[in-house]
Amino acid sequence: MNKESIFIIGSSSLALSLIMGIFLPDLPLISFLKGMLIGISLVMNINYLIRYRLEKSGFNENRNNNSYMRKLQNGSN
């Protein structure tokens, strides 16, 4: 799953949860669904932020670089 689709799923689930909270009655099943959608939103948005940060820092390119791994194992910067 690419990071743009993760962001769209997270934003859409949060928007849907807010709309449900405004227009639907406060029943236990509705409350459960709202909570589940908010949880999905949190997980997806945090996942997006982590992937975005790793991509910006170049971690994915450096992970496969043997000299970079040796520096990490030796503790040198």
N, C-alpha and C. Protein backbone atom coordinates (compact mmCIF):
# COMPACT_ATOMS: atom_id res chain seq x y z
N MET A 1 0.86 -1.17 0.00
CA MET A 1 0.00 0.00 0.00
C MET A 1 0.90 1.24 0.00
N ASN A 2 0.67 2.16 -0.91
CA ASN A 2 1.51 3.35 -0.94
C ASN A 2 1.03 4.36 0.09
N LYS A 3 1.89 5.32 0.38
CA LYS A 3 1.60 6.22 1.49
C LYS A 3 0.45 7.18 1.19
N GLU A 4 0.20 7.49 -0.07
CA GLU A 4 -0.92 8.37 -0.39
C GLU A 4 -2.26 7.70 -0.09
N SER A 5 -2.37 6.42 -0.42
CA SER A 5 -3.62 5.72 -0.13
C SER A 5 -3.81 5.54 1.37
N ILE A 6 -2.73 5.38 2.11
CA ILE A 6 -2.82 5.28 3.57
C ILE A 6 -3.37 6.59 4.14
N PHE A 7 -2.88 7.71 3.63
CA PHE A 7 -3.35 9.01 4.10
C PHE A 7 -4.82 9.22 3.76
N ILE A 8 -5.24 8.81 2.57
CA ILE A 8 -6.63 8.96 2.16
C ILE A 8 -7.55 8.11 3.03
N ILE A 9 -7.15 6.88 3.33
CA ILE A 9 -7.97 6.02 4.20
C ILE A 9 -8.08 6.63 5.59
N GLY A 10 -6.97 7.14 6.13
CA GLY A 10 -7.00 7.75 7.45
C GLY A 10 -7.88 8.98 7.52
N SER A 11 -7.76 9.84 6.53
CA SER A 11 -8.57 11.06 6.51
C SER A 11 -10.04 10.76 6.29
N SER A 12 -10.32 9.83 5.40
CA SER A 12 -11.72 9.48 5.12
C SER A 12 -12.40 8.84 6.32
N SER A 13 -11.69 7.98 7.02
CA SER A 13 -12.30 7.34 8.19
C SER A 13 -12.56 8.35 9.30
N LEU A 14 -11.69 9.33 9.46
CA LEU A 14 -11.93 10.38 10.45
C LEU A 14 -13.13 11.24 10.05
N ALA A 15 -13.21 11.61 8.78
CA ALA A 15 -14.33 12.41 8.30
C ALA A 15 -15.65 11.65 8.46
N LEU A 16 -15.64 10.37 8.12
CA LEU A 16 -16.85 9.56 8.26
C LEU A 16 -17.28 9.45 9.72
N SER A 17 -16.32 9.30 10.61
CA SER A 17 -16.63 9.22 12.04
C SER A 17 -17.26 10.54 12.53
N LEU A 18 -16.71 11.66 12.09
CA LEU A 18 -17.27 12.95 12.51
C LEU A 18 -18.69 13.14 11.96
N ILE A 19 -18.90 12.75 10.72
CA ILE A 19 -20.23 12.88 10.13
C ILE A 19 -21.23 11.97 10.85
N MET A 20 -20.79 10.76 11.21
CA MET A 20 -21.66 9.86 11.98
C MET A 20 -22.02 10.47 13.33
N GLY A 21 -21.06 11.13 13.96
CA GLY A 21 -21.31 11.74 15.26
C GLY A 21 -22.30 12.89 15.19
N ILE A 22 -22.33 13.58 14.07
CA ILE A 22 -23.24 14.71 13.94
C ILE A 22 -24.66 14.26 13.57
N PHE A 23 -24.78 13.36 12.61
CA PHE A 23 -26.08 13.06 12.03
C PHE A 23 -26.77 11.80 12.55
N LEU A 24 -26.06 10.89 13.18
CA LEU A 24 -26.69 9.65 13.63
C LEU A 24 -26.94 9.69 15.13
N PRO A 25 -27.94 8.93 15.60
CA PRO A 25 -28.23 8.92 17.05
C PRO A 25 -27.12 8.23 17.83
N ASP A 26 -27.12 8.49 19.12
CA ASP A 26 -26.07 7.95 19.99
C ASP A 26 -26.46 6.57 20.50
N LEU A 27 -26.34 5.58 19.64
CA LEU A 27 -26.62 4.20 20.00
C LEU A 27 -25.29 3.46 20.22
N PRO A 28 -25.30 2.36 20.97
CA PRO A 28 -24.05 1.64 21.24
C PRO A 28 -23.33 1.17 19.98
N LEU A 29 -24.06 0.68 19.00
CA LEU A 29 -23.42 0.22 17.77
C LEU A 29 -22.79 1.39 17.00
N ILE A 30 -23.48 2.52 16.97
CA ILE A 30 -22.95 3.70 16.29
C ILE A 30 -21.70 4.19 17.01
N SER A 31 -21.73 4.19 18.34
CA SER A 31 -20.56 4.61 19.12
C SER A 31 -19.37 3.69 18.86
N PHE A 32 -19.65 2.39 18.77
CA PHE A 32 -18.58 1.43 18.47
C PHE A 32 -17.97 1.71 17.09
N LEU A 33 -18.82 1.92 16.10
CA LEU A 33 -18.32 2.20 14.75
C LEU A 33 -17.53 3.51 14.69
N LYS A 34 -18.00 4.52 15.41
CA LYS A 34 -17.26 5.79 15.45
C LYS A 34 -15.88 5.58 16.07
N GLY A 35 -15.83 4.83 17.16
CA GLY A 35 -14.55 4.56 17.81
C GLY A 35 -13.61 3.75 16.93
N MET A 36 -14.18 2.78 16.24
CA MET A 36 -13.36 1.97 15.34
C MET A 36 -12.80 2.82 14.20
N LEU A 37 -13.62 3.69 13.64
CA LEU A 37 -13.15 4.56 12.56
C LEU A 37 -12.09 5.55 13.04
N ILE A 38 -12.25 6.05 14.24
CA ILE A 38 -11.23 6.96 14.79
C ILE A 38 -9.92 6.20 15.01
N GLY A 39 -10.01 4.96 15.49
CA GLY A 39 -8.81 4.15 15.67
C GLY A 39 -8.11 3.86 14.35
N ILE A 40 -8.88 3.52 13.32
CA ILE A 40 -8.29 3.29 12.00
C ILE A 40 -7.61 4.56 11.51
N SER A 41 -8.26 5.70 11.74
CA SER A 41 -7.69 6.97 11.32
C SER A 41 -6.36 7.25 12.02
N LEU A 42 -6.31 7.01 13.32
CA LEU A 42 -5.06 7.24 14.05
C LEU A 42 -3.93 6.34 13.54
N VAL A 43 -4.23 5.07 13.38
CA VAL A 43 -3.20 4.13 12.92
C VAL A 43 -2.72 4.48 11.52
N MET A 44 -3.63 4.77 10.63
CA MET A 44 -3.25 5.08 9.24
C MET A 44 -2.47 6.39 9.14
N ASN A 45 -2.90 7.41 9.88
CA ASN A 45 -2.21 8.69 9.80
C ASN A 45 -0.82 8.63 10.44
N ILE A 46 -0.67 7.89 11.53
CA ILE A 46 0.66 7.72 12.13
C ILE A 46 1.54 6.91 11.20
N ASN A 47 0.97 5.88 10.57
CA ASN A 47 1.71 5.09 9.59
C ASN A 47 2.19 5.98 8.44
N TYR A 48 1.33 6.87 7.97
CA TYR A 48 1.71 7.80 6.90
C TYR A 48 2.85 8.70 7.34
N LEU A 49 2.74 9.25 8.54
CA LEU A 49 3.79 10.16 9.02
C LEU A 49 5.14 9.45 9.16
N ILE A 50 5.12 8.22 9.63
CA ILE A 50 6.37 7.46 9.77
C ILE A 50 6.97 7.17 8.41
N ARG A 51 6.14 6.73 7.46
CA ARG A 51 6.66 6.46 6.12
C ARG A 51 7.17 7.72 5.45
N TYR A 52 6.48 8.84 5.63
CA TYR A 52 6.91 10.11 5.05
C TYR A 52 8.25 10.54 5.63
N ARG A 53 8.40 10.40 6.94
CA ARG A 53 9.65 10.80 7.60
C ARG A 53 10.81 9.90 7.15
N LEU A 54 10.58 8.60 7.04
CA LEU A 54 11.64 7.70 6.59
C LEU A 54 12.03 7.98 5.15
N GLU A 55 11.05 8.32 4.33
CA GLU A 55 11.36 8.65 2.94
C GLU A 55 12.16 9.94 2.84
N LYS A 56 11.80 10.94 3.64
CA LYS A 56 12.53 12.21 3.61
C LYS A 56 13.95 12.07 4.14
N SER A 57 14.16 11.19 5.12
CA SER A 57 15.49 11.04 5.70
C SER A 57 16.38 10.14 4.85
N GLY A 58 15.80 9.44 3.88
CA GLY A 58 16.58 8.56 3.03
C GLY A 58 16.93 7.24 3.69
N PHE A 59 16.16 6.86 4.70
CA PHE A 59 16.45 5.63 5.42
C PHE A 59 16.34 4.41 4.52
N ASN A 60 15.36 4.38 3.64
CA ASN A 60 15.16 3.22 2.78
C ASN A 60 16.35 2.99 1.85
N GLU A 61 16.97 4.07 1.37
CA GLU A 61 18.14 3.91 0.51
C GLU A 61 19.35 3.48 1.33
N ASN A 62 19.48 4.00 2.53
CA ASN A 62 20.65 3.70 3.36
C ASN A 62 20.56 2.32 3.99
N ARG A 63 19.38 1.77 4.11
CA ARG A 63 19.20 0.48 4.76
C ARG A 63 19.93 -0.62 4.00
N ASN A 64 19.97 -0.51 2.67
CA ASN A 64 20.62 -1.54 1.87
C ASN A 64 22.10 -1.27 1.64
N ASN A 65 22.60 -0.18 2.13
CA ASN A 65 23.99 0.19 1.93
C ASN A 65 24.84 -0.46 3.03
N ASN A 66 25.78 -1.34 2.64
CA ASN A 66 26.56 -2.09 3.63
C ASN A 66 27.44 -1.20 4.47
N SER A 67 28.03 -0.16 3.89
CA SER A 67 28.89 0.71 4.68
C SER A 67 28.08 1.44 5.75
N TYR A 68 26.87 1.80 5.44
CA TYR A 68 26.01 2.45 6.42
C TYR A 68 25.71 1.50 7.58
N MET A 69 25.43 0.23 7.27
CA MET A 69 25.15 -0.74 8.31
C MET A 69 26.38 -0.99 9.18
N ARG A 70 27.57 -1.02 8.58
CA ARG A 70 28.78 -1.21 9.37
C ARG A 70 29.01 -0.04 10.31
N LYS A 71 28.71 1.17 9.87
CA LYS A 71 28.85 2.33 10.75
C LYS A 71 27.90 2.22 11.94
N LEU A 72 26.68 1.77 11.68
CA LEU A 72 25.73 1.61 12.76
C LEU A 72 26.17 0.54 13.75
N GLN A 73 26.72 -0.56 13.25
CA GLN A 73 27.13 -1.64 14.13
C GLN A 73 28.35 -1.25 14.96
N ASN A 74 29.24 -0.45 14.38
CA ASN A 74 30.43 -0.02 15.10
C ASN A 74 30.16 1.14 16.04
N GLY A 75 29.03 1.79 15.89
CA GLY A 75 28.70 2.90 16.76
C GLY A 75 29.31 4.22 16.35
N SER A 76 29.94 4.29 15.18
CA SER A 76 30.52 5.56 14.74
C SER A 76 29.51 6.31 13.91
N ASN A 77 29.66 7.62 13.90
CA ASN A 77 28.71 8.48 13.16
C ASN A 77 29.20 8.75 11.80
